[in-house]
Amino acid sequence: MLKATAIAAAAIIALPFAVAECALTAEQHIADLQVISSDSNARLLNLGFKKAITIDLPTDIKEVLVADPNTVKVVISTVRRVYMIGAAVGRTNVFFYDAGGRQIAALDICVSEIARLQPSELEDFCHRRQRDRISKHFLKDLTLSDK
């Protein structure tokens, strides 16, 4: 009985050291991780619902990651040209990579019913609205997009 108690005590004493060694090994693997793409290095792009944008990238595209393909449809036209269409209201990320796995571009895309207008465009829009006396009912269904 004394022998079994001694073995159990030794195991209990050794347990924290074994756990610490496993944690140290895990920390070394985590330290080797490199974040290549995230929101922190993505450029914000506002896109209107059911509107499209064409993007020319500086290098050839090998891989594309779309976080939510239901929000934005991405069509690769050529190795450097991409079409993106706002398919549903929401927000998603799109990342582009070259043949070496390096990030070419990172986009944080916000698809909305009415894309944000620049102050000059808003002033022009309000002037036209006043001039043409557009009804509130029509304005509710109007969708504006980035140019």
Protein backbone atom coordinates (compact mmCIF):
# COMPACT_ATOMS: atom_id res chain seq x y z
CA MET A 1 0.00 0.00 0.00
CA LEU A 2 2.86 2.34 0.87
CA LYS A 3 4.44 1.64 -2.52
CA ALA A 4 1.19 2.50 -4.38
CA THR A 5 0.84 5.75 -2.40
CA ALA A 6 4.44 6.72 -3.23
CA ILE A 7 3.87 6.06 -6.92
CA ALA A 8 0.64 8.13 -6.88
CA ALA A 9 2.41 10.99 -5.07
CA ALA A 10 5.28 10.91 -7.58
CA ALA A 11 2.78 11.03 -10.46
CA ILE A 12 0.95 13.99 -8.91
CA ILE A 13 4.24 15.84 -8.39
CA ALA A 14 5.43 15.11 -11.95
CA LEU A 15 2.12 16.07 -13.60
CA PRO A 16 2.65 19.89 -13.59
CA PHE A 17 6.08 19.42 -15.19
CA ALA A 18 4.64 17.25 -17.97
CA VAL A 19 1.83 19.75 -18.59
CA ALA A 20 4.31 22.65 -18.62
CA GLU A 21 6.51 20.85 -21.15
CA CYS A 22 3.50 20.22 -23.45
CA ALA A 23 2.47 23.89 -23.15
CA LEU A 24 6.00 25.02 -23.95
CA THR A 25 6.06 22.82 -27.05
CA ALA A 26 2.65 24.18 -28.13
CA GLU A 27 3.85 27.79 -27.61
CA GLN A 28 6.83 27.13 -29.86
CA HIS A 29 4.49 25.96 -32.66
CA ILE A 30 2.23 28.97 -32.13
CA ALA A 31 5.24 31.27 -32.29
CA ASP A 32 6.01 29.81 -35.74
CA LEU A 33 2.56 30.87 -37.05
CA GLN A 34 2.45 33.83 -39.41
CA VAL A 35 -0.83 35.62 -40.12
CA ILE A 36 -0.83 36.37 -43.84
CA SER A 37 -4.32 37.83 -44.29
CA SER A 38 -6.80 39.39 -41.86
CA ASP A 39 -9.09 42.37 -41.37
CA SER A 40 -6.14 44.36 -40.05
CA ASN A 41 -4.48 44.54 -43.47
CA ALA A 42 -7.65 44.65 -45.62
CA ARG A 43 -8.79 47.70 -47.57
CA LEU A 44 -12.45 48.74 -47.13
CA LEU A 45 -14.53 48.61 -50.31
CA ASN A 46 -18.18 49.70 -50.37
CA LEU A 47 -20.22 47.94 -53.03
CA GLY A 48 -23.89 48.36 -53.90
CA PHE A 49 -26.31 45.43 -53.81
CA LYS A 50 -26.54 43.87 -57.31
CA LYS A 51 -23.74 46.18 -58.50
CA ALA A 52 -20.36 45.20 -59.90
CA ILE A 53 -16.80 46.43 -59.77
CA THR A 54 -13.76 45.48 -61.86
CA ILE A 55 -10.34 45.26 -60.23
CA ASP A 56 -6.97 44.95 -61.98
CA LEU A 57 -4.29 43.45 -59.75
CA PRO A 58 -0.54 44.12 -60.13
CA THR A 59 0.50 40.44 -60.35
CA ASP A 60 -0.99 37.14 -61.53
CA ILE A 61 -3.65 35.58 -59.31
CA LYS A 62 -3.19 31.94 -58.34
CA GLU A 63 -5.66 31.66 -55.45
CA VAL A 64 -8.71 33.57 -54.16
CA LEU A 65 -10.36 33.23 -50.76
CA VAL A 66 -13.89 34.61 -50.32
CA ALA A 67 -15.04 34.45 -46.70
CA ASP A 68 -18.76 34.55 -47.58
CA PRO A 69 -19.44 33.66 -51.23
CA ASN A 70 -23.16 34.39 -50.72
CA THR A 71 -22.41 38.09 -50.10
CA VAL A 72 -19.97 38.71 -52.97
CA LYS A 73 -19.60 36.76 -56.19
CA VAL A 74 -16.04 36.84 -57.55
CA VAL A 75 -15.36 36.09 -61.21
CA ILE A 76 -11.77 35.80 -62.39
CA SER A 77 -11.71 37.24 -65.92
CA THR A 78 -7.95 37.01 -66.56
CA VAL A 79 -4.94 36.21 -64.38
CA ARG A 80 -4.94 39.87 -63.27
CA ARG A 81 -8.56 41.05 -63.69
CA VAL A 82 -11.40 40.25 -61.29
CA TYR A 83 -15.11 41.12 -61.34
CA MET A 84 -16.96 41.34 -58.03
CA ILE A 85 -20.74 41.52 -57.71
CA GLY A 86 -22.69 42.43 -54.58
CA ALA A 87 -24.97 39.40 -54.26
CA ALA A 88 -26.45 39.98 -50.79
CA VAL A 89 -26.43 42.75 -48.21
CA GLY A 90 -23.66 42.06 -45.70
CA ARG A 91 -19.94 42.16 -45.12
CA THR A 92 -17.16 39.78 -46.13
CA ASN A 93 -13.45 39.54 -46.92
CA VAL A 94 -11.76 38.64 -50.20
CA PHE A 95 -8.05 37.76 -50.31
CA PHE A 96 -5.93 37.31 -53.45
CA TYR A 97 -2.67 35.30 -53.52
CA ASP A 98 0.06 34.75 -56.10
CA ALA A 99 1.74 31.46 -57.12
CA GLY A 100 4.13 31.69 -54.15
CA GLY A 101 1.25 31.99 -51.66
CA ARG A 102 1.99 35.68 -50.99
CA GLN A 103 -0.93 38.05 -50.54
CA ILE A 104 -1.55 40.36 -53.49
CA ALA A 105 -4.55 42.20 -52.04
CA ALA A 106 -6.97 42.02 -49.11
CA LEU A 107 -10.43 43.57 -49.30
CA ASP A 108 -13.04 44.09 -46.60
CA ILE A 109 -16.21 44.41 -48.68
CA CYS A 110 -19.40 45.99 -47.39
CA VAL A 111 -22.42 45.33 -49.63
CA SER A 112 -25.33 47.65 -48.92
CA GLU A 113 -28.63 48.70 -50.47
CA ILE A 114 -27.33 52.24 -50.84
CA ALA A 115 -23.58 52.63 -51.20
CA ARG A 116 -22.02 55.59 -49.39
CA LEU A 117 -21.89 58.78 -51.42
CA GLN A 118 -19.12 61.38 -51.43
CA PRO A 119 -20.26 64.85 -50.20
CA SER A 120 -20.17 66.32 -53.73
CA GLU A 121 -22.26 63.42 -55.08
CA LEU A 122 -24.72 63.80 -52.21
CA GLU A 123 -25.13 67.52 -52.90
CA ASP A 124 -25.71 66.83 -56.61
CA PHE A 125 -28.17 64.05 -55.76
CA CYS A 126 -30.15 66.33 -53.41
CA HIS A 127 -30.20 69.08 -56.02
CA ARG A 128 -31.54 66.67 -58.67
CA ARG A 129 -34.08 65.34 -56.18
CA GLN A 130 -35.37 68.81 -55.46
CA ARG A 131 -35.41 69.74 -59.15
CA ASP A 132 -37.18 66.59 -60.30
CA ARG A 133 -39.43 66.29 -57.20
CA ILE A 134 -38.82 62.58 -56.86
CA SER A 135 -41.37 60.96 -54.59
CA LYS A 136 -40.34 59.34 -51.31
CA HIS A 137 -41.73 56.05 -52.59
CA PHE A 138 -39.31 56.10 -55.54
CA LEU A 139 -36.37 57.08 -53.30
CA LYS A 140 -37.05 54.10 -51.03
CA ASP A 141 -36.43 51.71 -53.94
CA LEU A 142 -33.50 53.64 -55.43
CA THR A 143 -30.07 51.97 -55.23
CA LEU A 144 -26.86 53.94 -55.70
CA SER A 145 -23.46 52.39 -56.24
CA ASP A 146 -19.79 53.35 -56.32
CA LYS A 147 -18.53 54.60 -59.66
